[in-house]
Amino acid sequence: TKHNSVLCASCESGYDLSGGSCTLRTCTCTNGEGSVGAACPGDGQEDCASCAVAYELKKEDGKNVCKSGLGDIMATLAGKAAEERTAVAWGDPHVKVFDHQYKNKADRFRNF
């Protein structure tokens, strides 16, 4: 320790004591912005202050997390065939999707 240096014995709420100095507590957040200061339960822990587009802030196991609404749908759609994507996007669970190869786009709409 240098002569005349300042060492903290304790810190205000939202800060953690580390090596004689106070550092702002900063949380992480998957799909959003992590909370900071007193809102963050522990430095480096997962706790969200806000969420990215298509995600909603939810309370889960006492922590704020970003859960997707549209994000889940988009992830689901990514692995589906075009006809299936249309059925899912329209929210119709009763649409039967056939694994049929069409000669052209117009053939898809014949015989209905």
PDB file of N, CA and C in Angstrom:
ATOM      1  N   THR A   1       0.841  -1.176   0.000  1.00  0.00           N
ATOM      2  CA  THR A   1       0.000   0.000   0.000  1.00  0.00           C
ATOM      3  C   THR A   1       0.886   1.238   0.000  1.00  0.00           C
ATOM      4  N   LYS A   2       0.554   2.164  -0.904  1.00  0.00           N
ATOM      5  CA  LYS A   2       1.301   3.418  -1.002  1.00  0.00           C
ATOM      6  C   LYS A   2       0.952   4.356   0.146  1.00  0.00           C
ATOM      7  N   HIS A   3       1.890   5.213   0.467  1.00  0.00           N
ATOM      8  CA  HIS A   3       1.666   6.244   1.474  1.00  0.00           C
ATOM      9  C   HIS A   3       0.565   7.189   0.988  1.00  0.00           C
ATOM     10  N   ASN A   4      -0.391   7.537   1.822  1.00  0.00           N
ATOM     11  CA  ASN A   4      -1.509   8.428   1.547  1.00  0.00           C
ATOM     12  C   ASN A   4      -2.540   7.847   0.574  1.00  0.00           C
ATOM     13  N   SER A   5      -2.553   6.545   0.348  1.00  0.00           N
ATOM     14  CA  SER A   5      -3.561   5.955  -0.538  1.00  0.00           C
ATOM     15  C   SER A   5      -4.848   5.721   0.243  1.00  0.00           C
ATOM     16  N   VAL A   6      -5.942   5.692  -0.480  1.00  0.00           N
ATOM     17  CA  VAL A   6      -7.246   5.516   0.154  1.00  0.00           C
ATOM     18  C   VAL A   6      -7.661   4.049   0.034  1.00  0.00           C
ATOM     19  N   LEU A   7      -8.009   3.444   1.152  1.00  0.00           N
ATOM     20  CA  LEU A   7      -8.506   2.078   1.165  1.00  0.00           C
ATOM     21  C   LEU A   7      -9.896   2.095   1.777  1.00  0.00           C
ATOM     22  N   CYS A   8     -10.811   1.443   1.127  1.00  0.00           N
ATOM     23  CA  CYS A   8     -12.184   1.391   1.635  1.00  0.00           C
ATOM     24  C   CYS A   8     -12.334   0.258   2.638  1.00  0.00           C
ATOM     25  N   ALA A   9     -13.079   0.525   3.689  1.00  0.00           N
ATOM     26  CA  ALA A   9     -13.391  -0.503   4.675  1.00  0.00           C
ATOM     27  C   ALA A   9     -14.757  -1.108   4.385  1.00  0.00           C
ATOM     28  N   SER A  10     -15.622  -0.312   3.747  1.00  0.00           N
ATOM     29  CA  SER A  10     -16.951  -0.786   3.371  1.00  0.00           C
ATOM     30  C   SER A  10     -17.422   0.035   2.167  1.00  0.00           C
ATOM     31  N   CYS A  11     -18.508  -0.431   1.550  1.00  0.00           N
ATOM     32  CA  CYS A  11     -19.027   0.223   0.352  1.00  0.00           C
ATOM     33  C   CYS A  11     -20.513   0.514   0.489  1.00  0.00           C
ATOM     34  N   GLU A  12     -20.985   1.473  -0.289  1.00  0.00           N
ATOM     35  CA  GLU A  12     -22.408   1.783  -0.337  1.00  0.00           C
ATOM     36  C   GLU A  12     -23.148   0.656  -1.057  1.00  0.00           C
ATOM     37  N   SER A  13     -24.454   0.645  -0.914  1.00  0.00           N
ATOM     38  CA  SER A  13     -25.299  -0.353  -1.566  1.00  0.00           C
ATOM     39  C   SER A  13     -25.062  -0.336  -3.078  1.00  0.00           C
ATOM     40  N   GLY A  14     -24.936  -1.511  -3.658  1.00  0.00           N
ATOM     41  CA  GLY A  14     -24.721  -1.625  -5.096  1.00  0.00           C
ATOM     42  C   GLY A  14     -23.270  -1.700  -5.508  1.00  0.00           C
ATOM     43  N   TYR A  15     -22.383  -1.597  -4.522  1.00  0.00           N
ATOM     44  CA  TYR A  15     -20.949  -1.695  -4.779  1.00  0.00           C
ATOM     45  C   TYR A  15     -20.389  -2.858  -3.971  1.00  0.00           C
ATOM     46  N   ASP A  16     -19.324  -3.483  -4.491  1.00  0.00           N
ATOM     47  CA  ASP A  16     -18.659  -4.573  -3.781  1.00  0.00           C
ATOM     48  C   ASP A  16     -17.239  -4.158  -3.421  1.00  0.00           C
ATOM     49  N   LEU A  17     -16.800  -4.565  -2.241  1.00  0.00           N
ATOM     50  CA  LEU A  17     -15.444  -4.281  -1.785  1.00  0.00           C
ATOM     51  C   LEU A  17     -14.493  -5.294  -2.402  1.00  0.00           C
ATOM     52  N   SER A  18     -13.473  -4.787  -3.070  1.00  0.00           N
ATOM     53  CA  SER A  18     -12.499  -5.664  -3.708  1.00  0.00           C
ATOM     54  C   SER A  18     -11.116  -5.007  -3.649  1.00  0.00           C
ATOM     55  N   GLY A  19     -10.216  -5.625  -2.936  1.00  0.00           N
ATOM     56  CA  GLY A  19      -8.849  -5.102  -2.842  1.00  0.00           C
ATOM     57  C   GLY A  19      -8.765  -3.706  -2.257  1.00  0.00           C
ATOM     58  N   GLY A  20      -9.653  -3.390  -1.336  1.00  0.00           N
ATOM     59  CA  GLY A  20      -9.617  -2.089  -0.689  1.00  0.00           C
ATOM     60  C   GLY A  20     -10.332  -0.986  -1.449  1.00  0.00           C
ATOM     61  N   SER A  21     -10.977  -1.320  -2.569  1.00  0.00           N
ATOM     62  CA  SER A  21     -11.737  -0.306  -3.304  1.00  0.00           C
ATOM     63  C   SER A  21     -13.135  -0.827  -3.607  1.00  0.00           C
ATOM     64  N   CYS A  22     -14.032   0.095  -3.881  1.00  0.00           N
ATOM     65  CA  CYS A  22     -15.420  -0.247  -4.176  1.00  0.00           C
ATOM     66  C   CYS A  22     -15.644  -0.272  -5.686  1.00  0.00           C
ATOM     67  N   THR A  23     -16.212  -1.373  -6.160  1.00  0.00           N
ATOM     68  CA  THR A  23     -16.521  -1.482  -7.587  1.00  0.00           C
ATOM     69  C   THR A  23     -18.026  -1.674  -7.764  1.00  0.00           C
ATOM     70  N   LEU A  24     -18.546  -1.033  -8.798  1.00  0.00           N
ATOM     71  CA  LEU A  24     -19.972  -1.108  -9.095  1.00  0.00           C
ATOM     72  C   LEU A  24     -20.354  -2.544  -9.447  1.00  0.00           C
ATOM     73  N   ARG A  25     -21.378  -3.060  -8.807  1.00  0.00           N
ATOM     74  CA  ARG A  25     -21.876  -4.403  -9.075  1.00  0.00           C
ATOM     75  C   ARG A  25     -22.538  -4.399 -10.452  1.00  0.00           C
ATOM     76  N   THR A  26     -22.142  -5.328 -11.320  1.00  0.00           N
ATOM     77  CA  THR A  26     -22.656  -5.395 -12.688  1.00  0.00           C
ATOM     78  C   THR A  26     -23.105  -6.815 -13.006  1.00  0.00           C
ATOM     79  N   CYS A  27     -24.358  -6.966 -13.396  1.00  0.00           N
ATOM     80  CA  CYS A  27     -24.906  -8.272 -13.759  1.00  0.00           C
ATOM     81  C   CYS A  27     -24.869  -8.472 -15.271  1.00  0.00           C
ATOM     82  N   THR A  28     -24.990  -9.706 -15.685  1.00  0.00           N
ATOM     83  CA  THR A  28     -25.069 -10.044 -17.106  1.00  0.00           C
ATOM     84  C   THR A  28     -26.531 -10.289 -17.463  1.00  0.00           C
ATOM     85  N   CYS A  29     -26.818 -10.327 -18.757  1.00  0.00           N
ATOM     86  CA  CYS A  29     -28.175 -10.613 -19.208  1.00  0.00           C
ATOM     87  C   CYS A  29     -28.141 -11.176 -20.617  1.00  0.00           C
ATOM     88  N   THR A  30     -28.585 -12.413 -20.758  1.00  0.00           N
ATOM     89  CA  THR A  30     -28.721 -13.010 -22.072  1.00  0.00           C
ATOM     90  C   THR A  30     -29.947 -12.380 -22.722  1.00  0.00           C
ATOM     91  N   ASN A  31     -29.786 -11.846 -23.912  1.00  0.00           N
ATOM     92  CA  ASN A  31     -30.871 -11.210 -24.675  1.00  0.00           C
ATOM     93  C   ASN A  31     -31.347  -9.890 -24.092  1.00  0.00           C
ATOM     94  N   GLY A  32     -30.451  -9.157 -23.434  1.00  0.00           N
ATOM     95  CA  GLY A  32     -30.822  -7.856 -22.900  1.00  0.00           C
ATOM     96  C   GLY A  32     -29.655  -7.172 -22.212  1.00  0.00           C
ATOM     97  N   GLU A  33     -29.974  -6.165 -21.404  1.00  0.00           N
ATOM     98  CA  GLU A  33     -28.972  -5.406 -20.643  1.00  0.00           C
ATOM     99  C   GLU A  33     -29.024  -5.834 -19.182  1.00  0.00           C
ATOM    100  N   GLY A  34     -27.860  -6.128 -18.610  1.00  0.00           N
ATOM    101  CA  GLY A  34     -27.785  -6.535 -17.212  1.00  0.00           C
ATOM    102  C   GLY A  34     -28.047  -5.385 -16.260  1.00  0.00           C
ATOM    103  N   SER A  35     -28.557  -5.709 -15.086  1.00  0.00           N
ATOM    104  CA  SER A  35     -28.786  -4.691 -14.065  1.00  0.00           C
ATOM    105  C   SER A  35     -27.444  -4.295 -13.445  1.00  0.00           C
ATOM    106  N   VAL A  36     -27.420  -3.102 -12.844  1.00  0.00           N
ATOM    107  CA  VAL A  36     -26.192  -2.610 -12.205  1.00  0.00           C
ATOM    108  C   VAL A  36     -26.530  -2.027 -10.832  1.00  0.00           C
ATOM    109  N   GLY A  37     -25.501  -1.903 -10.022  1.00  0.00           N
ATOM    110  CA  GLY A  37     -25.663  -1.288  -8.707  1.00  0.00           C
ATOM    111  C   GLY A  37     -26.531  -2.114  -7.784  1.00  0.00           C
ATOM    112  N   ALA A  38     -27.362  -1.433  -7.005  1.00  0.00           N
ATOM    113  CA  ALA A  38     -28.201  -2.102  -6.012  1.00  0.00           C
ATOM    114  C   ALA A  38     -29.219  -3.046  -6.646  1.00  0.00           C
ATOM    115  N   ALA A  39     -29.572  -2.822  -7.910  1.00  0.00           N
ATOM    116  CA  ALA A  39     -30.529  -3.693  -8.595  1.00  0.00           C
ATOM    117  C   ALA A  39     -29.916  -5.052  -8.943  1.00  0.00           C
ATOM    118  N   CYS A  40     -28.602  -5.129  -8.979  1.00  0.00           N
ATOM    119  CA  CYS A  40     -27.891  -6.374  -9.317  1.00  0.00           C
ATOM    120  C   CYS A  40     -27.628  -7.167  -8.032  1.00  0.00           C
ATOM    121  N   PRO A  41     -28.149  -8.405  -7.955  1.00  0.00           N
ATOM    122  CA  PRO A  41     -27.986  -9.184  -6.721  1.00  0.00           C
ATOM    123  C   PRO A  41     -26.549  -9.610  -6.417  1.00  0.00           C
ATOM    124  N   GLY A  42     -25.717  -9.745  -7.434  1.00  0.00           N
ATOM    125  CA  GLY A  42     -24.329 -10.150  -7.219  1.00  0.00           C
ATOM    126  C   GLY A  42     -23.524  -9.972  -8.485  1.00  0.00           C
ATOM    127  N   ASP A  43     -22.335  -9.423  -8.380  1.00  0.00           N
ATOM    128  CA  ASP A  43     -21.503  -9.141  -9.548  1.00  0.00           C
ATOM    129  C   ASP A  43     -21.331 -10.388 -10.418  1.00  0.00           C
ATOM    130  N   GLY A  44     -21.620 -10.229 -11.709  1.00  0.00           N
ATOM    131  CA  GLY A  44     -21.459 -11.321 -12.653  1.00  0.00           C
ATOM    132  C   GLY A  44     -22.642 -12.263 -12.740  1.00  0.00           C
ATOM    133  N   GLN A  45     -23.644 -12.096 -11.894  1.00  0.00           N
ATOM    134  CA  GLN A  45     -24.833 -12.963 -11.935  1.00  0.00           C
ATOM    135  C   GLN A  45     -25.762 -12.545 -13.063  1.00  0.00           C
ATOM    136  N   GLU A  46     -26.594 -13.459 -13.498  1.00  0.00           N
ATOM    137  CA  GLU A  46     -27.599 -13.190 -14.529  1.00  0.00           C
ATOM    138  C   GLU A  46     -28.791 -12.476 -13.894  1.00  0.00           C
ATOM    139  N   ASP A  47     -29.015 -11.217 -14.268  1.00  0.00           N
ATOM    140  CA  ASP A  47     -30.169 -10.446 -13.813  1.00  0.00           C
ATOM    141  C   ASP A  47     -30.334  -9.282 -14.797  1.00  0.00           C
ATOM    142  N   CYS A  48     -31.496  -9.202 -15.418  1.00  0.00           N
ATOM    143  CA  CYS A  48     -31.716  -8.228 -16.495  1.00  0.00           C
ATOM    144  C   CYS A  48     -32.431  -6.969 -16.027  1.00  0.00           C
ATOM    145  N   ALA A  49     -32.039  -5.843 -16.624  1.00  0.00           N
ATOM    146  CA  ALA A  49     -32.705  -4.562 -16.383  1.00  0.00           C
ATOM    147  C   ALA A  49     -33.669  -4.271 -17.528  1.00  0.00           C
ATOM    148  N   SER A  50     -33.294  -4.675 -18.743  1.00  0.00           N
ATOM    149  CA  SER A  50     -34.139  -4.468 -19.920  1.00  0.00           C
ATOM    150  C   SER A  50     -33.826  -5.564 -20.935  1.00  0.00           C
ATOM    151  N   CYS A  51     -34.724  -5.712 -21.907  1.00  0.00           N
ATOM    152  CA  CYS A  51     -34.594  -6.802 -22.877  1.00  0.00           C
ATOM    153  C   CYS A  51     -34.503  -6.284 -24.308  1.00  0.00           C
ATOM    154  N   ALA A  52     -33.895  -7.089 -25.159  1.00  0.00           N
ATOM    155  CA  ALA A  52     -33.807  -6.798 -26.589  1.00  0.00           C
ATOM    156  C   ALA A  52     -35.190  -6.949 -27.219  1.00  0.00           C
ATOM    157  N   VAL A  53     -35.326  -6.445 -28.434  1.00  0.00           N
ATOM    158  CA  VAL A  53     -36.581  -6.547 -29.177  1.00  0.00           C
ATOM    159  C   VAL A  53     -36.998  -8.017 -29.258  1.00  0.00           C
ATOM    160  N   ALA A  54     -38.265  -8.293 -29.108  1.00  0.00           N
ATOM    161  CA  ALA A  54     -38.873  -9.632 -29.174  1.00  0.00           C
ATOM    162  C   ALA A  54     -38.678 -10.441 -27.892  1.00  0.00           C
ATOM    163  N   TYR A  55     -38.162  -9.814 -26.835  1.00  0.00           N
ATOM    164  CA  TYR A  55     -37.998 -10.488 -25.546  1.00  0.00           C
ATOM    165  C   TYR A  55     -38.740  -9.700 -24.478  1.00  0.00           C
ATOM    166  N   GLU A  56     -39.217 -10.401 -23.471  1.00  0.00           N
ATOM    167  CA  GLU A  56     -39.966  -9.771 -22.380  1.00  0.00           C
ATOM    168  C   GLU A  56     -39.263 -10.018 -21.060  1.00  0.00           C
ATOM    169  N   LEU A  57     -39.279  -9.007 -20.188  1.00  0.00           N
ATOM    170  CA  LEU A  57     -38.681  -9.131 -18.862  1.00  0.00           C
ATOM    171  C   LEU A  57     -39.625  -9.929 -17.971  1.00  0.00           C
ATOM    172  N   LYS A  58     -39.132 -11.045 -17.445  1.00  0.00           N
ATOM    173  CA  LYS A  58     -39.928 -11.928 -16.587  1.00  0.00           C
ATOM    174  C   LYS A  58     -39.138 -12.229 -15.320  1.00  0.00           C
ATOM    175  N   LYS A  59     -39.855 -12.541 -14.251  1.00  0.00           N
ATOM    176  CA  LYS A  59     -39.238 -12.956 -12.989  1.00  0.00           C
ATOM    177  C   LYS A  59     -39.173 -14.477 -12.984  1.00  0.00           C
ATOM    178  N   GLU A  60     -37.982 -15.034 -12.794  1.00  0.00           N
ATOM    179  CA  GLU A  60     -37.806 -16.484 -12.789  1.00  0.00           C
ATOM    180  C   GLU A  60     -36.782 -16.843 -11.715  1.00  0.00           C
ATOM    181  N   ASP A  61     -37.195 -17.650 -10.761  1.00  0.00           N
ATOM    182  CA  ASP A  61     -36.327 -18.036  -9.628  1.00  0.00           C
ATOM    183  C   ASP A  61     -35.755 -16.815  -8.908  1.00  0.00           C
ATOM    184  N   GLY A  62     -36.581 -15.768  -8.758  1.00  0.00           N
ATOM    185  CA  GLY A  62     -36.164 -14.578  -8.041  1.00  0.00           C
ATOM    186  C   GLY A  62     -35.290 -13.620  -8.832  1.00  0.00           C
ATOM    187  N   LYS A  63     -35.015 -13.932 -10.102  1.00  0.00           N
ATOM    188  CA  LYS A  63     -34.171 -13.081 -10.932  1.00  0.00           C
ATOM    189  C   LYS A  63     -34.965 -12.574 -12.126  1.00  0.00           C
ATOM    190  N   ASN A  64     -34.554 -11.421 -12.636  1.00  0.00           N
ATOM    191  CA  ASN A  64     -35.160 -10.879 -13.849  1.00  0.00           C
ATOM    192  C   ASN A  64     -34.439 -11.455 -15.057  1.00  0.00           C
ATOM    193  N   VAL A  65     -35.189 -12.093 -15.943  1.00  0.00           N
ATOM    194  CA  VAL A  65     -34.615 -12.689 -17.144  1.00  0.00           C
ATOM    195  C   VAL A  65     -35.408 -12.243 -18.366  1.00  0.00           C
ATOM    196  N   CYS A  66     -34.779 -12.304 -19.526  1.00  0.00           N
ATOM    197  CA  CYS A  66     -35.443 -11.947 -20.778  1.00  0.00           C
ATOM    198  C   CYS A  66     -35.896 -13.225 -21.474  1.00  0.00           C
ATOM    199  N   LYS A  67     -37.194 -13.392 -21.563  1.00  0.00           N
ATOM    200  CA  LYS A  67     -37.780 -14.553 -22.232  1.00  0.00           C
ATOM    201  C   LYS A  67     -38.391 -14.092 -23.543  1.00  0.00           C
ATOM    202  N   SER A  68     -38.246 -14.910 -24.546  1.00  0.00           N
ATOM    203  CA  SER A  68     -38.742 -14.508 -25.859  1.00  0.00           C
ATOM    204  C   SER A  68     -40.194 -14.878 -26.057  1.00  0.00           C
ATOM    205  N   GLY A  69     -40.894 -14.007 -26.721  1.00  0.00           N
ATOM    206  CA  GLY A  69     -42.231 -14.294 -27.208  1.00  0.00           C
ATOM    207  C   GLY A  69     -42.051 -14.595 -28.682  1.00  0.00           C
ATOM    208  N   LEU A  70     -41.732 -13.584 -29.420  1.00  0.00           N
ATOM    209  CA  LEU A  70     -41.471 -13.718 -30.850  1.00  0.00           C
ATOM    210  C   LEU A  70     -40.196 -14.512 -31.087  1.00  0.00           C
ATOM    211  N   GLY A  71     -39.223 -14.371 -30.201  1.00  0.00           N
ATOM    212  CA  GLY A  71     -37.955 -15.083 -30.359  1.00  0.00           C
ATOM    213  C   GLY A  71     -38.141 -16.589 -30.422  1.00  0.00           C
ATOM    214  N   ASP A  72     -39.024 -17.136 -29.577  1.00  0.00           N
ATOM    215  CA  ASP A  72     -39.303 -18.568 -29.600  1.00  0.00           C
ATOM    216  C   ASP A  72     -39.943 -18.976 -30.918  1.00  0.00           C
ATOM    217  N   ILE A  73     -40.862 -18.152 -31.390  1.00  0.00           N
ATOM    218  CA  ILE A  73     -41.520 -18.452 -32.667  1.00  0.00           C
ATOM    219  C   ILE A  73     -40.497 -18.428 -33.794  1.00  0.00           C
ATOM    220  N   MET A  74     -39.639 -17.421 -33.809  1.00  0.00           N
ATOM    221  CA  MET A  74     -38.631 -17.308 -34.863  1.00  0.00           C
ATOM    222  C   MET A  74     -37.685 -18.513 -34.848  1.00  0.00           C
ATOM    223  N   ALA A  75     -37.285 -18.947 -33.665  1.00  0.00           N
ATOM    224  CA  ALA A  75     -36.402 -20.105 -33.558  1.00  0.00           C
ATOM    225  C   ALA A  75     -37.106 -21.358 -34.049  1.00  0.00           C
ATOM    226  N   THR A  76     -38.390 -21.487 -33.736  1.00  0.00           N
ATOM    227  CA  THR A  76     -39.170 -22.631 -34.182  1.00  0.00           C
ATOM    228  C   THR A  76     -39.301 -22.627 -35.694  1.00  0.00           C
ATOM    229  N   LEU A  77     -39.576 -21.459 -36.245  1.00  0.00           N
ATOM    230  CA  LEU A  77     -39.777 -21.349 -37.692  1.00  0.00           C
ATOM    231  C   LEU A  77     -38.510 -21.637 -38.486  1.00  0.00           C
ATOM    232  N   ALA A  78     -37.367 -21.328 -37.924  1.00  0.00           N
ATOM    233  CA  ALA A  78     -36.106 -21.494 -38.646  1.00  0.00           C
ATOM    234  C   ALA A  78     -35.889 -22.924 -39.129  1.00  0.00           C
ATOM    235  N   GLY A  79     -36.376 -23.896 -38.383  1.00  0.00           N
ATOM    236  CA  GLY A  79     -36.153 -25.285 -38.759  1.00  0.00           C
ATOM    237  C   GLY A  79     -37.303 -25.926 -39.510  1.00  0.00           C
ATOM    238  N   LYS A  80     -38.264 -25.154 -39.977  1.00  0.00           N
ATOM    239  CA  LYS A  80     -39.447 -25.724 -40.618  1.00  0.00           C
ATOM    240  C   LYS A  80     -39.482 -25.439 -42.118  1.00  0.00           C
ATOM    241  N   ALA A  81     -40.215 -26.267 -42.840  1.00  0.00           N
ATOM    242  CA  ALA A  81     -40.414 -26.075 -44.271  1.00  0.00           C
ATOM    243  C   ALA A  81     -41.307 -24.853 -44.489  1.00  0.00           C
ATOM    244  N   ALA A  82     -41.299 -24.303 -45.695  1.00  0.00           N
ATOM    245  CA  ALA A  82     -42.052 -23.082 -46.006  1.00  0.00           C
ATOM    246  C   ALA A  82     -43.533 -23.205 -45.664  1.00  0.00           C
ATOM    247  N   GLU A  83     -44.168 -24.326 -46.015  1.00  0.00           N
ATOM    248  CA  GLU A  83     -45.592 -24.504 -45.751  1.00  0.00           C
ATOM    249  C   GLU A  83     -45.868 -24.542 -44.254  1.00  0.00           C
ATOM    250  N   GLU A  84     -44.981 -25.188 -43.528  1.00  0.00           N
ATOM    251  CA  GLU A  84     -45.125 -25.285 -42.082  1.00  0.00           C
ATOM    252  C   GLU A  84     -44.951 -23.918 -41.438  1.00  0.00           C
ATOM    253  N   ARG A  85     -43.965 -23.140 -41.935  1.00  0.00           N
ATOM    254  CA  ARG A  85     -43.732 -21.802 -41.394  1.00  0.00           C
ATOM    255  C   ARG A  85     -44.987 -20.956 -41.527  1.00  0.00           C
ATOM    256  N   THR A  86     -45.656 -21.040 -42.663  1.00  0.00           N
ATOM    257  CA  THR A  86     -46.878 -20.268 -42.879  1.00  0.00           C
ATOM    258  C   THR A  86     -47.942 -20.659 -41.864  1.00  0.00           C
ATOM    259  N   ALA A  87     -48.118 -21.957 -41.632  1.00  0.00           N
ATOM    260  CA  ALA A  87     -49.125 -22.428 -40.684  1.00  0.00           C
ATOM    261  C   ALA A  87     -48.810 -21.950 -39.270  1.00  0.00           C
ATOM    262  N   VAL A  88     -47.552 -22.037 -38.878  1.00  0.00           N
ATOM    263  CA  VAL A  88     -47.155 -21.611 -37.539  1.00  0.00           C
ATOM    264  C   VAL A  88     -47.309 -20.100 -37.393  1.00  0.00           C
ATOM    265  N   ALA A  89     -46.884 -19.346 -38.404  1.00  0.00           N
ATOM    266  CA  ALA A  89     -46.959 -17.894 -38.347  1.00  0.00           C
ATOM    267  C   ALA A  89     -48.406 -17.410 -38.237  1.00  0.00           C
ATOM    268  N   TRP A  90     -49.332 -18.132 -38.886  1.00  0.00           N
ATOM    269  CA  TRP A  90     -50.737 -17.749 -38.799  1.00  0.00           C
ATOM    270  C   TRP A  90     -51.379 -18.279 -37.527  1.00  0.00           C
ATOM    271  N   GLY A  91     -50.636 -19.067 -36.760  1.00  0.00           N
ATOM    272  CA  GLY A  91     -51.140 -19.550 -35.484  1.00  0.00           C
ATOM    273  C   GLY A  91     -52.217 -20.605 -35.599  1.00  0.00           C
ATOM    274  N   ASP A  92     -52.224 -21.331 -36.698  1.00  0.00           N
ATOM    275  CA  ASP A  92     -53.255 -22.351 -36.903  1.00  0.00           C
ATOM    276  C   ASP A  92     -52.676 -23.737 -36.653  1.00  0.00           C
ATOM    277  N   PRO A  93     -52.930 -24.317 -35.473  1.00  0.00           N
ATOM    278  CA  PRO A  93     -52.381 -25.633 -35.159  1.00  0.00           C
ATOM    279  C   PRO A  93     -53.080 -26.761 -35.914  1.00  0.00           C
ATOM    280  N   HIS A  94     -54.179 -26.442 -36.618  1.00  0.00           N
ATOM    281  CA  HIS A  94     -54.947 -27.469 -37.308  1.00  0.00           C
ATOM    282  C   HIS A  94     -54.554 -27.636 -38.770  1.00  0.00           C
ATOM    283  N   VAL A  95     -53.641 -26.809 -39.238  1.00  0.00           N
ATOM    284  CA  VAL A  95     -53.239 -26.905 -40.641  1.00  0.00           C
ATOM    285  C   VAL A  95     -52.386 -28.148 -40.816  1.00  0.00           C
ATOM    286  N   LYS A  96     -52.792 -28.983 -41.755  1.00  0.00           N
ATOM    287  CA  LYS A  96     -52.033 -30.194 -42.061  1.00  0.00           C
ATOM    288  C   LYS A  96     -51.028 -29.829 -43.140  1.00  0.00           C
ATOM    289  N   VAL A  97     -49.767 -30.093 -42.892  1.00  0.00           N
ATOM    290  CA  VAL A  97     -48.724 -29.768 -43.856  1.00  0.00           C
ATOM    291  C   VAL A  97     -48.318 -31.054 -44.577  1.00  0.00           C
ATOM    292  N   PHE A  98     -48.397 -31.006 -45.882  1.00  0.00           N
ATOM    293  CA  PHE A  98     -48.031 -32.165 -46.678  1.00  0.00           C
ATOM    294  C   PHE A  98     -46.609 -32.021 -47.183  1.00  0.00           C
ATOM    295  N   ASP A  99     -45.920 -33.125 -47.225  1.00  0.00           N
ATOM    296  CA  ASP A  99     -44.554 -33.136 -47.720  1.00  0.00           C
ATOM    297  C   ASP A  99     -44.594 -33.443 -49.211  1.00  0.00           C
ATOM    298  N   HIS A 100     -45.127 -32.546 -49.977  1.00  0.00           N
ATOM    299  CA  HIS A 100     -45.333 -32.759 -51.397  1.00  0.00           C
ATOM    300  C   HIS A 100     -44.495 -31.763 -52.187  1.00  0.00           C
ATOM    301  N   GLN A 101     -43.885 -32.229 -53.239  1.00  0.00           N
ATOM    302  CA  GLN A 101     -43.109 -31.350 -54.107  1.00  0.00           C
ATOM    303  C   GLN A 101     -44.011 -30.812 -55.208  1.00  0.00           C
ATOM    304  N   TYR A 102     -44.116 -29.507 -55.328  1.00  0.00           N
ATOM    305  CA  TYR A 102     -44.944 -28.878 -56.343  1.00  0.00           C
ATOM    306  C   TYR A 102     -44.088 -28.513 -57.545  1.00  0.00           C
ATOM    307  N   LYS A 103     -44.715 -28.520 -58.724  1.00  0.00           N
ATOM    308  CA  LYS A 103     -43.994 -28.148 -59.942  1.00  0.00           C
ATOM    309  C   LYS A 103     -43.729 -26.648 -59.961  1.00  0.00           C
ATOM    310  N   ASN A 104     -44.694 -25.862 -59.472  1.00  0.00           N
ATOM    311  CA  ASN A 104     -44.537 -24.415 -59.401  1.00  0.00           C
ATOM    312  C   ASN A 104     -45.447 -23.867 -58.303  1.00  0.00           C
ATOM    313  N   LYS A 105     -45.332 -22.570 -58.026  1.00  0.00           N
ATOM    314  CA  LYS A 105     -46.106 -21.958 -56.942  1.00  0.00           C
ATOM    315  C   LYS A 105     -47.611 -22.072 -57.163  1.00  0.00           C
ATOM    316  N   ALA A 106     -48.059 -21.921 -58.392  1.00  0.00           N
ATOM    317  CA  ALA A 106     -49.495 -21.953 -58.690  1.00  0.00           C
ATOM    318  C   ALA A 106     -50.106 -23.301 -58.329  1.00  0.00           C
ATOM    319  N   ASP A 107     -49.355 -24.388 -58.485  1.00  0.00           N
ATOM    320  CA  ASP A 107     -49.856 -25.730 -58.155  1.00  0.00           C
ATOM    321  C   ASP A 107     -50.229 -25.867 -56.681  1.00  0.00           C
ATOM    322  N   ARG A 108     -49.643 -25.085 -55.831  1.00  0.00           N
ATOM    323  CA  ARG A 108     -49.921 -25.180 -54.405  1.00  0.00           C
ATOM    324  C   ARG A 108     -51.355 -24.790 -54.061  1.00  0.00           C
ATOM    325  N   PHE A 109     -51.963 -23.959 -54.914  1.00  0.00           N
ATOM    326  CA  PHE A 109     -53.293 -23.433 -54.613  1.00  0.00           C
ATOM    327  C   PHE A 109     -54.412 -24.045 -55.455  1.00  0.00           C
ATOM    328  N   ARG A 110     -54.116 -25.081 -56.188  1.00  0.00           N
ATOM    329  CA  ARG A 110     -55.149 -25.746 -56.987  1.00  0.00           C
ATOM    330  C   ARG A 110     -55.829 -26.820 -56.171  1.00  0.00           C
ATOM    331  N   ASN A 111     -57.023 -27.145 -56.577  1.00  0.00           N
ATOM    332  CA  ASN A 111     -57.809 -28.220 -55.960  1.00  0.00           C
ATOM    333  C   ASN A 111     -58.205 -27.939 -54.518  1.00  0.00           C
ATOM    334  N   PHE A 112     -58.529 -26.705 -54.198  1.00  0.00           N
ATOM    335  CA  PHE A 112     -59.000 -26.398 -52.845  1.00  0.00           C
ATOM    336  C   PHE A 112     -60.470 -26.100 -52.890  1.00  0.00           C
TER     337      PHE A 112
END
